[in-house]
Amino acid sequence: MNYENKWVRFYSEFSKTHGEFIKSFTFLNPGVSSSQFRVCAYLKAGYNTREIAEEMDLSIRSVESHRYRIRKKLKVKRAESLIMHLHGQY
């Protein structure tokens, strides 16, 4: 199954249980790219970096780079976990 098909299937299920997250996250963070949003959605759903890399057909390093850029855009403090930020803020 290719990446886009995986994403469509994942997003369909994710939106059923995390609809409010999707609305508030996209409204409050318009500068986040679609790939960065996908990483955030996978993190919110409990995926780890390796699993996200597999789902998105990326290297682990690419996912780590996305996570770094997301932290900067969301202004997540160094001591705060991105995952905890996503769970606590949205």
Protein backbone atom coordinates (compact mmCIF):
# COMPACT_ATOMS: atom_id res chain seq x y z
CA MET A 1 0.00 0.00 0.00
CA ASN A 2 1.42 3.38 -0.91
CA TYR A 3 1.86 6.30 1.45
CA GLU A 4 -1.17 8.32 0.31
CA ASN A 5 -3.50 5.34 0.71
CA LYS A 6 -2.10 4.69 4.19
CA TRP A 7 -2.62 8.34 5.11
CA VAL A 8 -6.21 8.43 3.82
CA ARG A 9 -7.09 5.32 5.82
CA PHE A 10 -5.32 6.60 8.94
CA TYR A 11 -6.88 10.08 8.67
CA SER A 12 -10.36 8.64 8.24
CA GLU A 13 -10.06 6.77 11.55
CA PHE A 14 -8.10 9.52 13.32
CA SER A 15 -10.67 12.20 12.48
CA LYS A 16 -13.43 10.15 14.11
CA THR A 17 -11.75 10.30 17.50
CA HIS A 18 -9.64 13.46 17.21
CA GLY A 19 -11.84 15.86 15.23
CA GLU A 20 -11.42 18.65 17.77
CA PHE A 21 -7.64 18.27 17.68
CA ILE A 22 -7.67 18.62 13.89
CA LYS A 23 -9.83 21.76 14.00
CA SER A 24 -7.97 23.53 16.79
CA PHE A 25 -4.48 22.52 15.65
CA THR A 26 -4.96 23.64 12.06
CA PHE A 27 -6.68 26.87 13.16
CA LEU A 28 -4.00 27.79 15.71
CA ASN A 29 -1.03 26.72 13.56
CA PRO A 30 -1.59 27.82 9.96
CA GLY A 31 2.17 27.82 9.26
CA VAL A 32 2.54 24.08 9.78
CA SER A 33 2.99 22.20 6.50
CA SER A 34 0.81 19.25 5.55
CA SER A 35 3.71 16.85 6.18
CA GLN A 36 4.31 18.39 9.59
CA PHE A 37 0.61 18.10 10.41
CA ARG A 38 0.74 14.43 9.45
CA VAL A 39 3.67 13.87 11.82
CA CYS A 40 1.69 15.60 14.59
CA ALA A 41 -1.37 13.46 13.89
CA TYR A 42 0.69 10.27 14.06
CA LEU A 43 2.30 11.45 17.31
CA LYS A 44 -1.09 12.29 18.77
CA ALA A 45 -2.25 8.77 17.83
CA GLY A 46 0.68 7.27 19.74
CA TYR A 47 3.08 6.39 16.92
CA ASN A 48 6.81 6.59 17.61
CA THR A 49 9.42 8.03 15.24
CA ARG A 50 10.22 4.67 13.62
CA GLU A 51 6.54 3.90 13.04
CA ILE A 52 5.93 7.35 11.54
CA ALA A 53 8.91 6.86 9.22
CA GLU A 54 7.43 3.56 8.03
CA GLU A 55 3.96 5.02 7.53
CA MET A 56 5.22 8.09 5.67
CA ASP A 57 7.89 6.21 3.71
CA LEU A 58 10.63 8.46 5.15
CA SER A 59 13.92 7.90 6.91
CA ILE A 60 13.99 8.16 10.68
CA ARG A 61 16.24 11.20 10.29
CA SER A 62 13.63 12.93 8.11
CA VAL A 63 10.97 12.39 10.77
CA GLU A 64 13.36 13.73 13.42
CA SER A 65 13.89 16.83 11.25
CA HIS A 66 10.13 17.30 10.93
CA ARG A 67 9.79 17.00 14.70
CA TYR A 68 12.53 19.59 15.23
CA ARG A 69 10.87 22.07 12.85
CA ILE A 70 7.46 21.45 14.45
CA ARG A 71 8.90 22.17 17.91
CA LYS A 72 10.27 25.49 16.61
CA LYS A 73 7.01 26.49 14.91
CA LEU A 74 4.92 25.59 17.96
CA LYS A 75 7.47 27.21 20.30
CA VAL A 76 7.76 24.08 22.43
CA LYS A 77 10.28 24.62 25.23
CA ARG A 78 13.38 22.41 25.36
CA ALA A 79 12.28 20.76 28.60
CA GLU A 80 8.82 19.97 27.23
CA SER A 81 8.03 16.90 25.19
CA LEU A 82 6.42 17.53 21.80
CA ILE A 83 4.06 14.64 22.45
CA MET A 84 3.01 16.05 25.83
CA HIS A 85 2.56 19.46 24.20
CA LEU A 86 0.26 18.00 21.54
CA HIS A 87 -1.77 16.15 24.16
CA GLY A 88 -1.96 19.12 26.52
CA GLN A 89 -2.60 22.00 24.15
CA TYR A 90 -5.17 20.67 21.71
